[in-house]
C-alpha cells in the first residue's frame, strides 16, 4: 500500500477514507452551502484591540530577545577569532 495526499491507497488504485469524512456530495455541501461561521466577531482578526496590542508587545519583546542572543553569539565568535 502507498500513501497519496495523506490517504492510504491500495494496489487496485482505490483510496480509503477516514470514517466520517463523507463523500463528494457532503464535501460540496460544506464548501458551497455552509459558508463562513457567523456570530463570532473578530475571530479571524484576533479578538479585542487590547489582545492585539498585547500580542504585538509580546512579539516585539521576543524579537528583541532573539536579536540580543544573536549579538551575544556574534561577540563570542569574534572574541574567539581574535585570540
N, C-alpha and C. Protein backbone atom coordinates (compact mmCIF):
# COMPACT_ATOMS: atom_id res chain seq x y z
N UNK A 1 0.83 -1.18 0.00
CA UNK A 1 0.00 0.00 0.00
C UNK A 1 0.87 1.24 0.00
N UNK A 2 0.40 2.26 -0.67
CA UNK A 2 1.11 3.53 -0.72
C UNK A 2 0.20 4.63 -0.19
N UNK A 3 0.79 5.79 0.05
CA UNK A 3 0.03 6.92 0.55
C UNK A 3 -0.02 8.01 -0.51
N UNK A 4 -1.22 8.55 -0.75
CA UNK A 4 -1.41 9.62 -1.70
C UNK A 4 -2.20 10.72 -0.99
N UNK A 5 -1.62 11.91 -0.89
CA UNK A 5 -2.28 13.06 -0.26
C UNK A 5 -2.84 12.71 1.11
N UNK A 6 -2.07 12.00 1.91
CA UNK A 6 -2.50 11.68 3.26
C UNK A 6 -3.48 10.54 3.37
N UNK A 7 -3.78 9.89 2.25
CA UNK A 7 -4.73 8.77 2.27
C UNK A 7 -4.01 7.50 1.85
N UNK A 8 -4.47 6.41 2.38
CA UNK A 8 -3.88 5.12 2.05
C UNK A 8 -4.46 4.64 0.72
N UNK A 9 -3.58 4.18 -0.16
CA UNK A 9 -4.01 3.74 -1.48
C UNK A 9 -3.67 2.26 -1.62
N UNK A 10 -4.65 1.47 -2.02
CA UNK A 10 -4.41 0.04 -2.17
C UNK A 10 -3.82 -0.25 -3.55
N UNK A 11 -3.51 -1.52 -3.77
CA UNK A 11 -2.89 -1.92 -5.04
C UNK A 11 -3.80 -1.67 -6.24
N UNK A 12 -5.12 -1.73 -6.04
CA UNK A 12 -6.04 -1.54 -7.17
C UNK A 12 -6.28 -0.06 -7.48
N UNK A 13 -5.65 0.84 -6.71
CA UNK A 13 -5.76 2.27 -7.02
C UNK A 13 -6.84 2.99 -6.25
N UNK A 14 -7.63 2.30 -5.45
CA UNK A 14 -8.69 2.96 -4.68
C UNK A 14 -8.10 3.54 -3.39
N UNK A 15 -8.56 4.72 -3.03
CA UNK A 15 -8.11 5.33 -1.78
C UNK A 15 -9.16 5.10 -0.72
N UNK A 16 -8.70 4.84 0.50
CA UNK A 16 -9.64 4.65 1.59
C UNK A 16 -9.79 5.96 2.34
N UNK A 17 -10.99 6.24 2.81
CA UNK A 17 -11.27 7.46 3.54
C UNK A 17 -11.41 7.16 5.01
N UNK A 18 -11.14 8.16 5.81
CA UNK A 18 -11.35 8.02 7.25
C UNK A 18 -12.85 7.99 7.52
N UNK A 19 -13.27 7.28 8.56
CA UNK A 19 -14.69 7.25 8.89
C UNK A 19 -15.20 8.66 9.18
N UNK A 20 -16.34 9.01 8.64
CA UNK A 20 -16.93 10.31 8.87
C UNK A 20 -16.42 11.39 7.94
N UNK A 21 -15.54 11.05 7.00
CA UNK A 21 -15.00 12.05 6.09
C UNK A 21 -16.06 12.48 5.07
N UNK A 22 -16.96 11.61 4.73
CA UNK A 22 -18.01 11.96 3.79
C UNK A 22 -17.60 11.76 2.36
N UNK A 23 -18.54 11.94 1.47
CA UNK A 23 -18.28 11.77 0.06
C UNK A 23 -18.30 13.08 -0.67
N UNK A 24 -18.43 12.97 -2.00
CA UNK A 24 -18.43 14.17 -2.84
C UNK A 24 -19.56 15.12 -2.49
N UNK A 25 -20.75 14.59 -2.28
CA UNK A 25 -21.92 15.43 -2.01
C UNK A 25 -21.73 16.19 -0.70
N UNK A 26 -21.26 15.52 0.32
CA UNK A 26 -21.06 16.17 1.61
C UNK A 26 -19.98 17.25 1.53
N UNK A 27 -18.88 16.96 0.83
CA UNK A 27 -17.83 17.96 0.66
C UNK A 27 -18.35 19.18 -0.09
N UNK A 28 -19.12 18.94 -1.15
CA UNK A 28 -19.69 20.05 -1.92
C UNK A 28 -20.62 20.88 -1.05
N UNK A 29 -21.47 20.21 -0.26
CA UNK A 29 -22.42 20.92 0.59
C UNK A 29 -21.69 21.82 1.58
N UNK A 30 -20.66 21.31 2.22
CA UNK A 30 -19.94 22.14 3.18
C UNK A 30 -19.21 23.29 2.50
N UNK A 31 -18.68 23.04 1.33
CA UNK A 31 -17.95 24.09 0.63
C UNK A 31 -18.87 25.21 0.16
N UNK A 32 -20.04 24.83 -0.37
CA UNK A 32 -20.88 25.82 -1.03
C UNK A 32 -22.09 26.28 -0.23
N UNK A 33 -22.58 25.48 0.67
CA UNK A 33 -23.80 25.85 1.38
C UNK A 33 -23.54 26.33 2.81
N UNK A 34 -22.55 25.78 3.48
CA UNK A 34 -22.33 26.12 4.88
C UNK A 34 -21.80 27.54 5.01
N UNK A 35 -20.79 27.90 4.25
CA UNK A 35 -20.23 29.24 4.31
C UNK A 35 -19.49 29.50 5.60
N UNK A 36 -19.00 30.71 5.78
CA UNK A 36 -18.25 31.03 6.99
C UNK A 36 -19.16 31.12 8.20
N UNK A 37 -18.58 30.89 9.36
CA UNK A 37 -19.35 30.96 10.60
C UNK A 37 -19.72 32.41 10.89
N UNK A 38 -20.96 32.63 11.32
CA UNK A 38 -21.42 33.97 11.68
C UNK A 38 -21.51 34.07 13.20
N UNK A 39 -21.52 35.27 13.70
CA UNK A 39 -21.72 35.47 15.12
C UNK A 39 -20.44 35.43 15.95
N UNK A 40 -19.29 35.33 15.30
CA UNK A 40 -18.04 35.34 16.04
C UNK A 40 -17.29 36.59 15.62
N UNK A 41 -17.52 37.67 16.31
CA UNK A 41 -16.96 38.96 15.96
C UNK A 41 -15.45 38.98 16.18
N UNK A 42 -14.68 39.30 15.16
CA UNK A 42 -13.25 39.47 15.29
C UNK A 42 -12.46 38.19 15.49
N UNK A 43 -13.02 37.04 15.15
CA UNK A 43 -12.32 35.77 15.39
C UNK A 43 -11.06 35.66 14.54
N UNK A 44 -11.16 36.06 13.30
CA UNK A 44 -10.01 35.93 12.41
C UNK A 44 -8.98 37.01 12.72
N UNK A 45 -9.44 38.20 13.06
CA UNK A 45 -8.52 39.30 13.28
C UNK A 45 -7.82 39.22 14.63
N UNK A 46 -8.28 38.40 15.53
CA UNK A 46 -7.56 38.21 16.78
C UNK A 46 -8.24 38.75 18.01
N UNK A 47 -9.49 39.06 17.96
CA UNK A 47 -10.19 39.46 19.17
C UNK A 47 -10.16 40.95 19.40
N UNK A 48 -10.02 41.32 20.67
CA UNK A 48 -10.12 42.73 21.05
C UNK A 48 -8.86 43.50 20.71
N UNK A 49 -8.99 44.81 20.76
CA UNK A 49 -7.85 45.68 20.50
C UNK A 49 -6.77 45.47 21.55
N UNK A 50 -7.16 45.32 22.80
CA UNK A 50 -6.18 45.11 23.88
C UNK A 50 -5.39 43.81 23.65
N UNK A 51 -6.08 42.77 23.20
CA UNK A 51 -5.40 41.49 22.94
C UNK A 51 -4.40 41.63 21.79
N UNK A 52 -4.79 42.37 20.75
CA UNK A 52 -3.87 42.58 19.63
C UNK A 52 -2.64 43.37 20.06
N UNK A 53 -2.86 44.41 20.87
CA UNK A 53 -1.74 45.21 21.34
C UNK A 53 -0.81 44.39 22.23
N UNK A 54 -1.37 43.54 23.08
CA UNK A 54 -0.55 42.66 23.93
C UNK A 54 0.25 41.70 23.07
N UNK A 55 -0.37 41.17 22.02
CA UNK A 55 0.33 40.26 21.12
C UNK A 55 1.48 40.98 20.42
N UNK A 56 1.25 42.22 19.98
CA UNK A 56 2.30 42.99 19.31
C UNK A 56 3.46 43.27 20.26
N UNK A 57 3.15 43.62 21.53
CA UNK A 57 4.22 43.86 22.51
C UNK A 57 5.02 42.59 22.76
N UNK A 58 4.31 41.46 22.89
CA UNK A 58 4.99 40.19 23.11
C UNK A 58 5.90 39.84 21.94
N UNK A 59 5.41 40.04 20.72
CA UNK A 59 6.20 39.75 19.54
C UNK A 59 7.45 40.64 19.49
N UNK A 60 7.29 41.92 19.79
CA UNK A 60 8.44 42.83 19.79
C UNK A 60 9.46 42.41 20.84
N UNK A 61 8.99 41.99 22.00
CA UNK A 61 9.90 41.54 23.06
C UNK A 61 10.65 40.27 22.64
N UNK A 62 9.96 39.36 22.00
CA UNK A 62 10.61 38.13 21.52
C UNK A 62 11.67 38.45 20.46
N UNK A 63 11.35 39.37 19.55
CA UNK A 63 12.32 39.75 18.53
C UNK A 63 13.54 40.41 19.16
N UNK A 64 13.31 41.27 20.16
CA UNK A 64 14.42 41.93 20.84
C UNK A 64 15.31 40.90 21.52
N UNK A 65 14.70 39.94 22.21
CA UNK A 65 15.47 38.91 22.91
C UNK A 65 16.29 38.08 21.92
N UNK A 66 15.67 37.70 20.80
CA UNK A 66 16.37 36.92 19.78
C UNK A 66 17.55 37.70 19.22
N UNK A 67 17.36 38.98 18.97
CA UNK A 67 18.45 39.80 18.44
C UNK A 67 19.58 39.90 19.46
N UNK A 68 19.23 40.03 20.75
CA UNK A 68 20.27 40.07 21.79
C UNK A 68 21.06 38.77 21.81
N UNK A 69 20.38 37.65 21.66
CA UNK A 69 21.07 36.36 21.65
C UNK A 69 22.02 36.26 20.47
N UNK A 70 21.58 36.72 19.30
CA UNK A 70 22.44 36.71 18.12
C UNK A 70 23.66 37.58 18.34
N UNK A 71 23.45 38.77 18.92
CA UNK A 71 24.57 39.68 19.17
C UNK A 71 25.57 39.06 20.15
N UNK A 72 25.08 38.39 21.18
CA UNK A 72 25.97 37.73 22.14
C UNK A 72 26.80 36.64 21.48
N UNK A 73 26.16 35.82 20.66
CA UNK A 73 26.89 34.75 19.96
C UNK A 73 27.91 35.32 19.00
N UNK A 74 27.53 36.38 18.29
CA UNK A 74 28.45 37.01 17.35
C UNK A 74 29.65 37.60 18.09
N UNK A 75 29.41 38.24 19.23
CA UNK A 75 30.50 38.82 20.02
C UNK A 75 31.42 37.72 20.54
N UNK A 76 30.85 36.59 20.96
CA UNK A 76 31.67 35.47 21.45
C UNK A 76 32.52 34.89 20.32
N UNK A 77 31.95 34.75 19.12
CA UNK A 77 32.72 34.25 17.98
C UNK A 77 33.84 35.20 17.62
N UNK A 78 33.55 36.50 17.62
CA UNK A 78 34.57 37.50 17.31
C UNK A 78 35.69 37.47 18.33
N UNK A 79 35.33 37.31 19.59
CA UNK A 79 36.34 37.26 20.65
C UNK A 79 37.22 36.02 20.48
N UNK A 80 36.64 34.89 20.10
CA UNK A 80 37.41 33.67 19.89
C UNK A 80 38.34 33.80 18.69
N UNK A 81 37.92 34.50 17.67
CA UNK A 81 38.74 34.68 16.47
C UNK A 81 39.95 35.57 16.74
N UNK A 82 39.77 36.53 17.63
CA UNK A 82 40.84 37.49 17.92
C UNK A 82 41.96 36.86 18.77
N UNK A 83 41.66 35.77 19.44
CA UNK A 83 42.67 35.13 20.30
C UNK A 83 43.71 34.43 19.52
